Amino acid sequence: MTSKPVFCYADDDIYTAAEIMKREKVRRLLVRNHDQQPIGVLAQADLVAAIAPYGLAAETVAEISQPGGAHSQQRKQ
């Protein structure tokens, strides 16, 4: 389990959330309010549904889904 959850804020736009997912290589983000209280989870599927009309879904999913990153569940050998 990750010691520091990856999160976005409820008022972040979808592009900010996508950038966080790409940078951290995670498929889910904890959504917090500005009191730092968790209020939900944004999944990769939610992001795809939001950006699909703009033709960005395939590229974004490919970038998020690249293996590796600090939060990867791949076992080191």
PDB file of N, CA and C in Angstrom:
ATOM      1  N   MET A   1       0.835  -1.168   0.000  1.00  0.00           N
ATOM      2  CA  MET A   1       0.000   0.000   0.000  1.00  0.00           C
ATOM      3  C   MET A   1       0.889   1.244   0.000  1.00  0.00           C
ATOM      4  N   THR A   2       0.448   2.268  -0.666  1.00  0.00           N
ATOM      5  CA  THR A   2       1.199   3.508  -0.773  1.00  0.00           C
ATOM      6  C   THR A   2       1.133   4.266   0.545  1.00  0.00           C
ATOM      7  N   SER A   3       2.279   4.780   0.988  1.00  0.00           N
ATOM      8  CA  SER A   3       2.290   5.514   2.244  1.00  0.00           C
ATOM      9  C   SER A   3       1.666   6.900   2.103  1.00  0.00           C
ATOM     10  N   LYS A   4       1.806   7.518   0.953  1.00  0.00           N
ATOM     11  CA  LYS A   4       1.211   8.838   0.709  1.00  0.00           C
ATOM     12  C   LYS A   4       0.204   8.711  -0.418  1.00  0.00           C
ATOM     13  N   PRO A   5      -1.073   8.836  -0.119  1.00  0.00           N
ATOM     14  CA  PRO A   5      -2.073   8.726  -1.186  1.00  0.00           C
ATOM     15  C   PRO A   5      -1.905   9.844  -2.217  1.00  0.00           C
ATOM     16  N   VAL A   6      -2.198   9.520  -3.444  1.00  0.00           N
ATOM     17  CA  VAL A   6      -2.173  10.510  -4.521  1.00  0.00           C
ATOM     18  C   VAL A   6      -3.576  11.087  -4.609  1.00  0.00           C
ATOM     19  N   PHE A   7      -3.659  12.416  -4.650  1.00  0.00           N
ATOM     20  CA  PHE A   7      -4.979  13.024  -4.596  1.00  0.00           C
ATOM     21  C   PHE A   7      -5.067  14.251  -5.493  1.00  0.00           C
ATOM     22  N   CYS A   8      -6.290  14.635  -5.729  1.00  0.00           N
ATOM     23  CA  CYS A   8      -6.597  15.920  -6.343  1.00  0.00           C
ATOM     24  C   CYS A   8      -7.660  16.559  -5.471  1.00  0.00           C
ATOM     25  N   TYR A   9      -7.955  17.811  -5.744  1.00  0.00           N
ATOM     26  CA  TYR A   9      -8.999  18.513  -5.013  1.00  0.00           C
ATOM     27  C   TYR A   9     -10.293  18.506  -5.811  1.00  0.00           C
ATOM     28  N   ALA A  10     -11.395  18.619  -5.110  1.00  0.00           N
ATOM     29  CA  ALA A  10     -12.710  18.559  -5.741  1.00  0.00           C
ATOM     30  C   ALA A  10     -12.901  19.640  -6.799  1.00  0.00           C
ATOM     31  N   ASP A  11     -12.236  20.768  -6.641  1.00  0.00           N
ATOM     32  CA  ASP A  11     -12.409  21.834  -7.621  1.00  0.00           C
ATOM     33  C   ASP A  11     -11.330  21.855  -8.704  1.00  0.00           C
ATOM     34  N   ASP A  12     -10.439  20.840  -8.722  1.00  0.00           N
ATOM     35  CA  ASP A  12      -9.481  20.716  -9.828  1.00  0.00           C
ATOM     36  C   ASP A  12     -10.236  20.341 -11.097  1.00  0.00           C
ATOM     37  N   ASP A  13      -9.764  20.834 -12.223  1.00  0.00           N
ATOM     38  CA  ASP A  13     -10.418  20.432 -13.464  1.00  0.00           C
ATOM     39  C   ASP A  13      -9.915  19.050 -13.888  1.00  0.00           C
ATOM     40  N   ILE A  14     -10.594  18.478 -14.864  1.00  0.00           N
ATOM     41  CA  ILE A  14     -10.290  17.104 -15.297  1.00  0.00           C
ATOM     42  C   ILE A  14      -8.889  16.994 -15.892  1.00  0.00           C
ATOM     43  N   TYR A  15      -8.403  18.066 -16.483  1.00  0.00           N
ATOM     44  CA  TYR A  15      -7.068  18.034 -17.084  1.00  0.00           C
ATOM     45  C   TYR A  15      -5.986  18.011 -16.005  1.00  0.00           C
ATOM     46  N   THR A  16      -6.212  18.692 -14.901  1.00  0.00           N
ATOM     47  CA  THR A  16      -5.285  18.636 -13.772  1.00  0.00           C
ATOM     48  C   THR A  16      -5.252  17.223 -13.202  1.00  0.00           C
ATOM     49  N   ALA A  17      -6.415  16.630 -13.040  1.00  0.00           N
ATOM     50  CA  ALA A  17      -6.485  15.255 -12.536  1.00  0.00           C
ATOM     51  C   ALA A  17      -5.765  14.294 -13.480  1.00  0.00           C
ATOM     52  N   ALA A  18      -5.954  14.473 -14.778  1.00  0.00           N
ATOM     53  CA  ALA A  18      -5.281  13.611 -15.758  1.00  0.00           C
ATOM     54  C   ALA A  18      -3.765  13.759 -15.661  1.00  0.00           C
ATOM     55  N   GLU A  19      -3.286  14.980 -15.496  1.00  0.00           N
ATOM     56  CA  GLU A  19      -1.851  15.204 -15.374  1.00  0.00           C
ATOM     57  C   GLU A  19      -1.285  14.533 -14.126  1.00  0.00           C
ATOM     58  N   ILE A  20      -2.017  14.589 -13.028  1.00  0.00           N
ATOM     59  CA  ILE A  20      -1.580  13.916 -11.803  1.00  0.00           C
ATOM     60  C   ILE A  20      -1.526  12.411 -12.032  1.00  0.00           C
ATOM     61  N   MET A  21      -2.563  11.862 -12.660  1.00  0.00           N
ATOM     62  CA  MET A  21      -2.580  10.422 -12.943  1.00  0.00           C
ATOM     63  C   MET A  21      -1.401  10.022 -13.831  1.00  0.00           C
ATOM     64  N   LYS A  22      -1.124  10.809 -14.863  1.00  0.00           N
ATOM     65  CA  LYS A  22      -0.006  10.506 -15.763  1.00  0.00           C
ATOM     66  C   LYS A  22       1.321  10.579 -15.023  1.00  0.00           C
ATOM     67  N   ARG A  23       1.513  11.646 -14.275  1.00  0.00           N
ATOM     68  CA  ARG A  23       2.782  11.855 -13.568  1.00  0.00           C
ATOM     69  C   ARG A  23       3.035  10.751 -12.541  1.00  0.00           C
ATOM     70  N   GLU A  24       2.000  10.385 -11.799  1.00  0.00           N
ATOM     71  CA  GLU A  24       2.151   9.416 -10.715  1.00  0.00           C
ATOM     72  C   GLU A  24       1.911   7.969 -11.156  1.00  0.00           C
ATOM     73  N   LYS A  25       1.462   7.787 -12.402  1.00  0.00           N
ATOM     74  CA  LYS A  25       1.169   6.449 -12.937  1.00  0.00           C
ATOM     75  C   LYS A  25       0.169   5.703 -12.067  1.00  0.00           C
ATOM     76  N   VAL A  26      -0.935   6.380 -11.746  1.00  0.00           N
ATOM     77  CA  VAL A  26      -2.003   5.759 -10.961  1.00  0.00           C
ATOM     78  C   VAL A  26      -3.303   5.784 -11.755  1.00  0.00           C
ATOM     79  N   ARG A  27      -4.164   4.857 -11.463  1.00  0.00           N
ATOM     80  CA  ARG A  27      -5.444   4.764 -12.165  1.00  0.00           C
ATOM     81  C   ARG A  27      -6.608   5.267 -11.331  1.00  0.00           C
ATOM     82  N   ARG A  28      -6.317   5.649 -10.091  1.00  0.00           N
ATOM     83  CA  ARG A  28      -7.345   6.206  -9.213  1.00  0.00           C
ATOM     84  C   ARG A  28      -6.735   7.325  -8.379  1.00  0.00           C
ATOM     85  N   LEU A  29      -7.511   8.356  -8.163  1.00  0.00           N
ATOM     86  CA  LEU A  29      -7.092   9.473  -7.318  1.00  0.00           C
ATOM     87  C   LEU A  29      -8.090   9.654  -6.194  1.00  0.00           C
ATOM     88  N   LEU A  30      -7.575   9.865  -5.009  1.00  0.00           N
ATOM     89  CA  LEU A  30      -8.413  10.280  -3.907  1.00  0.00           C
ATOM     90  C   LEU A  30      -8.815  11.729  -4.179  1.00  0.00           C
ATOM     91  N   VAL A  31     -10.077  12.046  -3.975  1.00  0.00           N
ATOM     92  CA  VAL A  31     -10.545  13.419  -4.156  1.00  0.00           C
ATOM     93  C   VAL A  31     -10.793  14.000  -2.764  1.00  0.00           C
ATOM     94  N   ARG A  32     -10.158  15.156  -2.513  1.00  0.00           N
ATOM     95  CA  ARG A  32     -10.275  15.812  -1.209  1.00  0.00           C
ATOM     96  C   ARG A  32     -10.925  17.177  -1.358  1.00  0.00           C
ATOM     97  N   ASN A  33     -11.514  17.629  -0.253  1.00  0.00           N
ATOM     98  CA  ASN A  33     -11.930  19.029  -0.209  1.00  0.00           C
ATOM     99  C   ASN A  33     -10.765  19.828   0.380  1.00  0.00           C
ATOM    100  N   HIS A  34     -10.910  21.125   0.505  1.00  0.00           N
ATOM    101  CA  HIS A  34      -9.788  21.932   0.983  1.00  0.00           C
ATOM    102  C   HIS A  34      -9.592  21.853   2.497  1.00  0.00           C
ATOM    103  N   ASP A  35     -10.446  21.112   3.177  1.00  0.00           N
ATOM    104  CA  ASP A  35     -10.228  20.793   4.586  1.00  0.00           C
ATOM    105  C   ASP A  35      -9.458  19.480   4.716  1.00  0.00           C
ATOM    106  N   GLN A  36      -8.994  18.961   3.580  1.00  0.00           N
ATOM    107  CA  GLN A  36      -8.229  17.716   3.485  1.00  0.00           C
ATOM    108  C   GLN A  36      -9.060  16.466   3.784  1.00  0.00           C
ATOM    109  N   GLN A  37     -10.367  16.598   3.768  1.00  0.00           N
ATOM    110  CA  GLN A  37     -11.254  15.462   3.998  1.00  0.00           C
ATOM    111  C   GLN A  37     -11.490  14.721   2.696  1.00  0.00           C
ATOM    112  N   PRO A  38     -11.376  13.395   2.690  1.00  0.00           N
ATOM    113  CA  PRO A  38     -11.685  12.641   1.467  1.00  0.00           C
ATOM    114  C   PRO A  38     -13.179  12.704   1.173  1.00  0.00           C
ATOM    115  N   ILE A  39     -13.488  12.957  -0.100  1.00  0.00           N
ATOM    116  CA  ILE A  39     -14.902  13.037  -0.475  1.00  0.00           C
ATOM    117  C   ILE A  39     -15.248  12.122  -1.640  1.00  0.00           C
ATOM    118  N   GLY A  40     -14.245  11.437  -2.183  1.00  0.00           N
ATOM    119  CA  GLY A  40     -14.528  10.526  -3.283  1.00  0.00           C
ATOM    120  C   GLY A  40     -13.265   9.985  -3.915  1.00  0.00           C
ATOM    121  N   VAL A  41     -13.469   9.241  -4.979  1.00  0.00           N
ATOM    122  CA  VAL A  41     -12.376   8.652  -5.748  1.00  0.00           C
ATOM    123  C   VAL A  41     -12.665   8.901  -7.221  1.00  0.00           C
ATOM    124  N   LEU A  42     -11.649   9.360  -7.933  1.00  0.00           N
ATOM    125  CA  LEU A  42     -11.747   9.535  -9.377  1.00  0.00           C
ATOM    126  C   LEU A  42     -10.994   8.391 -10.029  1.00  0.00           C
ATOM    127  N   ALA A  43     -11.680   7.593 -10.804  1.00  0.00           N
ATOM    128  CA  ALA A  43     -11.067   6.454 -11.473  1.00  0.00           C
ATOM    129  C   ALA A  43     -10.704   6.808 -12.912  1.00  0.00           C
ATOM    130  N   GLN A  44      -9.798   6.042 -13.468  1.00  0.00           N
ATOM    131  CA  GLN A  44      -9.393   6.235 -14.864  1.00  0.00           C
ATOM    132  C   GLN A  44     -10.621   6.194 -15.776  1.00  0.00           C
ATOM    133  N   ALA A  45     -11.563   5.313 -15.495  1.00  0.00           N
ATOM    134  CA  ALA A  45     -12.772   5.206 -16.321  1.00  0.00           C
ATOM    135  C   ALA A  45     -13.596   6.495 -16.262  1.00  0.00           C
ATOM    136  N   ASP A  46     -13.628   7.153 -15.099  1.00  0.00           N
ATOM    137  CA  ASP A  46     -14.345   8.429 -14.976  1.00  0.00           C
ATOM    138  C   ASP A  46     -13.680   9.484 -15.852  1.00  0.00           C
ATOM    139  N   LEU A  47     -12.371   9.504 -15.812  1.00  0.00           N
ATOM    140  CA  LEU A  47     -11.611  10.461 -16.603  1.00  0.00           C
ATOM    141  C   LEU A  47     -11.852  10.231 -18.092  1.00  0.00           C
ATOM    142  N   VAL A  48     -11.819   8.996 -18.517  1.00  0.00           N
ATOM    143  CA  VAL A  48     -12.039   8.663 -19.928  1.00  0.00           C
ATOM    144  C   VAL A  48     -13.435   9.109 -20.364  1.00  0.00           C
ATOM    145  N   ALA A  49     -14.432   8.865 -19.541  1.00  0.00           N
ATOM    146  CA  ALA A  49     -15.793   9.276 -19.888  1.00  0.00           C
ATOM    147  C   ALA A  49     -15.891  10.792 -20.050  1.00  0.00           C
ATOM    148  N   ALA A  50     -15.138  11.527 -19.242  1.00  0.00           N
ATOM    149  CA  ALA A  50     -15.195  12.984 -19.305  1.00  0.00           C
ATOM    150  C   ALA A  50     -14.470  13.561 -20.519  1.00  0.00           C
ATOM    151  N   ILE A  51     -13.380  12.924 -20.940  1.00  0.00           N
ATOM    152  CA  ILE A  51     -12.586  13.504 -22.034  1.00  0.00           C
ATOM    153  C   ILE A  51     -12.812  12.845 -23.381  1.00  0.00           C
ATOM    154  N   ALA A  52     -13.537  11.736 -23.419  1.00  0.00           N
ATOM    155  CA  ALA A  52     -13.773  11.031 -24.681  1.00  0.00           C
ATOM    156  C   ALA A  52     -14.368  11.928 -25.769  1.00  0.00           C
ATOM    157  N   PRO A  53     -15.306  12.811 -25.452  1.00  0.00           N
ATOM    158  CA  PRO A  53     -15.870  13.659 -26.508  1.00  0.00           C
ATOM    159  C   PRO A  53     -14.836  14.569 -27.185  1.00  0.00           C
ATOM    160  N   TYR A  54     -13.714  14.772 -26.533  1.00  0.00           N
ATOM    161  CA  TYR A  54     -12.683  15.657 -27.083  1.00  0.00           C
ATOM    162  C   TYR A  54     -11.581  14.904 -27.821  1.00  0.00           C
ATOM    163  N   GLY A  55     -11.719  13.580 -27.926  1.00  0.00           N
ATOM    164  CA  GLY A  55     -10.759  12.775 -28.673  1.00  0.00           C
ATOM    165  C   GLY A  55      -9.430  12.561 -27.964  1.00  0.00           C
ATOM    166  N   LEU A  56      -9.397  12.723 -26.656  1.00  0.00           N
ATOM    167  CA  LEU A  56      -8.140  12.605 -25.911  1.00  0.00           C
ATOM    168  C   LEU A  56      -8.034  11.319 -25.098  1.00  0.00           C
ATOM    169  N   ALA A  57      -9.062  10.508 -25.107  1.00  0.00           N
ATOM    170  CA  ALA A  57      -9.112   9.359 -24.206  1.00  0.00           C
ATOM    171  C   ALA A  57      -8.007   8.347 -24.461  1.00  0.00           C
ATOM    172  N   ALA A  58      -7.814   7.924 -25.684  1.00  0.00           N
ATOM    173  CA  ALA A  58      -6.838   6.868 -25.974  1.00  0.00           C
ATOM    174  C   ALA A  58      -5.430   7.280 -25.576  1.00  0.00           C
ATOM    175  N   GLU A  59      -5.039   8.491 -25.930  1.00  0.00           N
ATOM    176  CA  GLU A  59      -3.695   8.970 -25.603  1.00  0.00           C
ATOM    177  C   GLU A  59      -3.505   9.068 -24.084  1.00  0.00           C
ATOM    178  N   THR A  60      -4.488   9.588 -23.392  1.00  0.00           N
ATOM    179  CA  THR A  60      -4.394   9.751 -21.946  1.00  0.00           C
ATOM    180  C   THR A  60      -4.314   8.417 -21.239  1.00  0.00           C
ATOM    181  N   VAL A  61      -5.156   7.469 -21.626  1.00  0.00           N
ATOM    182  CA  VAL A  61      -5.131   6.138 -21.016  1.00  0.00           C
ATOM    183  C   VAL A  61      -3.778   5.478 -21.255  1.00  0.00           C
ATOM    184  N   ALA A  62      -3.246   5.598 -22.438  1.00  0.00           N
ATOM    185  CA  ALA A  62      -1.942   5.003 -22.739  1.00  0.00           C
ATOM    186  C   ALA A  62      -0.852   5.591 -21.837  1.00  0.00           C
ATOM    187  N   GLU A  63      -0.887   6.895 -21.622  1.00  0.00           N
ATOM    188  CA  GLU A  63       0.124   7.530 -20.784  1.00  0.00           C
ATOM    189  C   GLU A  63      -0.027   7.139 -19.318  1.00  0.00           C
ATOM    190  N   ILE A  64      -1.241   7.068 -18.833  1.00  0.00           N
ATOM    191  CA  ILE A  64      -1.470   6.674 -17.440  1.00  0.00           C
ATOM    192  C   ILE A  64      -1.078   5.220 -17.224  1.00  0.00           C
ATOM    193  N   SER A  65      -1.317   4.383 -18.220  1.00  0.00           N
ATOM    194  CA  SER A  65      -1.141   2.946 -18.067  1.00  0.00           C
ATOM    195  C   SER A  65       0.288   2.451 -18.263  1.00  0.00           C
ATOM    196  N   GLN A  66       1.218   3.335 -18.535  1.00  0.00           N
ATOM    197  CA  GLN A  66       2.609   2.918 -18.665  1.00  0.00           C
ATOM    198  C   GLN A  66       3.075   2.327 -17.336  1.00  0.00           C
ATOM    199  N   PRO A  67       3.765   1.180 -17.361  1.00  0.00           N
ATOM    200  CA  PRO A  67       4.226   0.597 -16.100  1.00  0.00           C
ATOM    201  C   PRO A  67       5.301   1.462 -15.458  1.00  0.00           C
ATOM    202  N   GLY A  68       5.432   1.292 -14.157  1.00  0.00           N
ATOM    203  CA  GLY A  68       6.468   2.005 -13.419  1.00  0.00           C
ATOM    204  C   GLY A  68       5.876   3.111 -12.582  1.00  0.00           C
ATOM    205  N   GLY A  69       6.739   3.957 -12.082  1.00  0.00           N
ATOM    206  CA  GLY A  69       6.299   5.051 -11.224  1.00  0.00           C
ATOM    207  C   GLY A  69       6.371   4.660  -9.767  1.00  0.00           C
ATOM    208  N   ALA A  70       6.340   5.652  -8.913  1.00  0.00           N
ATOM    209  CA  ALA A  70       6.490   5.436  -7.476  1.00  0.00           C
ATOM    210  C   ALA A  70       5.384   4.582  -6.886  1.00  0.00           C
ATOM    211  N   HIS A  71       4.237   4.535  -7.530  1.00  0.00           N
ATOM    212  CA  HIS A  71       3.085   3.823  -6.976  1.00  0.00           C
ATOM    213  C   HIS A  71       2.802   2.520  -7.705  1.00  0.00           C
ATOM    214  N   SER A  72       3.754   2.064  -8.484  1.00  0.00           N
ATOM    215  CA  SER A  72       3.584   0.834  -9.247  1.00  0.00           C
ATOM    216  C   SER A  72       3.488  -0.364  -8.318  1.00  0.00           C
ATOM    217  N   GLN A  73       2.670  -1.306  -8.696  1.00  0.00           N
ATOM    218  CA  GLN A  73       2.549  -2.533  -7.922  1.00  0.00           C
ATOM    219  C   GLN A  73       3.431  -3.634  -8.492  1.00  0.00           C
ATOM    220  N   GLN A  74       4.239  -3.295  -9.478  1.00  0.00           N
ATOM    221  CA  GLN A  74       5.152  -4.281 -10.034  1.00  0.00           C
ATOM    222  C   GLN A  74       6.190  -4.628  -8.993  1.00  0.00           C
ATOM    223  N   ARG A  75       6.488  -5.893  -8.886  1.00  0.00           N
ATOM    224  CA  ARG A  75       7.494  -6.337  -7.925  1.00  0.00           C
ATOM    225  C   ARG A  75       8.878  -6.165  -8.503  1.00  0.00           C
ATOM    226  N   LYS A  76       9.757  -5.641  -7.653  1.00  0.00           N
ATOM    227  CA  LYS A  76      11.146  -5.499  -8.082  1.00  0.00           C
ATOM    228  C   LYS A  76      11.848  -6.834  -7.939  1.00  0.00           C
ATOM    229  N   GLN A  77      12.715  -7.120  -8.883  1.00  0.00           N
ATOM    230  CA  GLN A  77      13.403  -8.406  -8.847  1.00  0.00           C
ATOM    231  C   GLN A  77      14.801  -8.241  -8.346  1.00  0.00           C
TER     232      GLN A  77
END
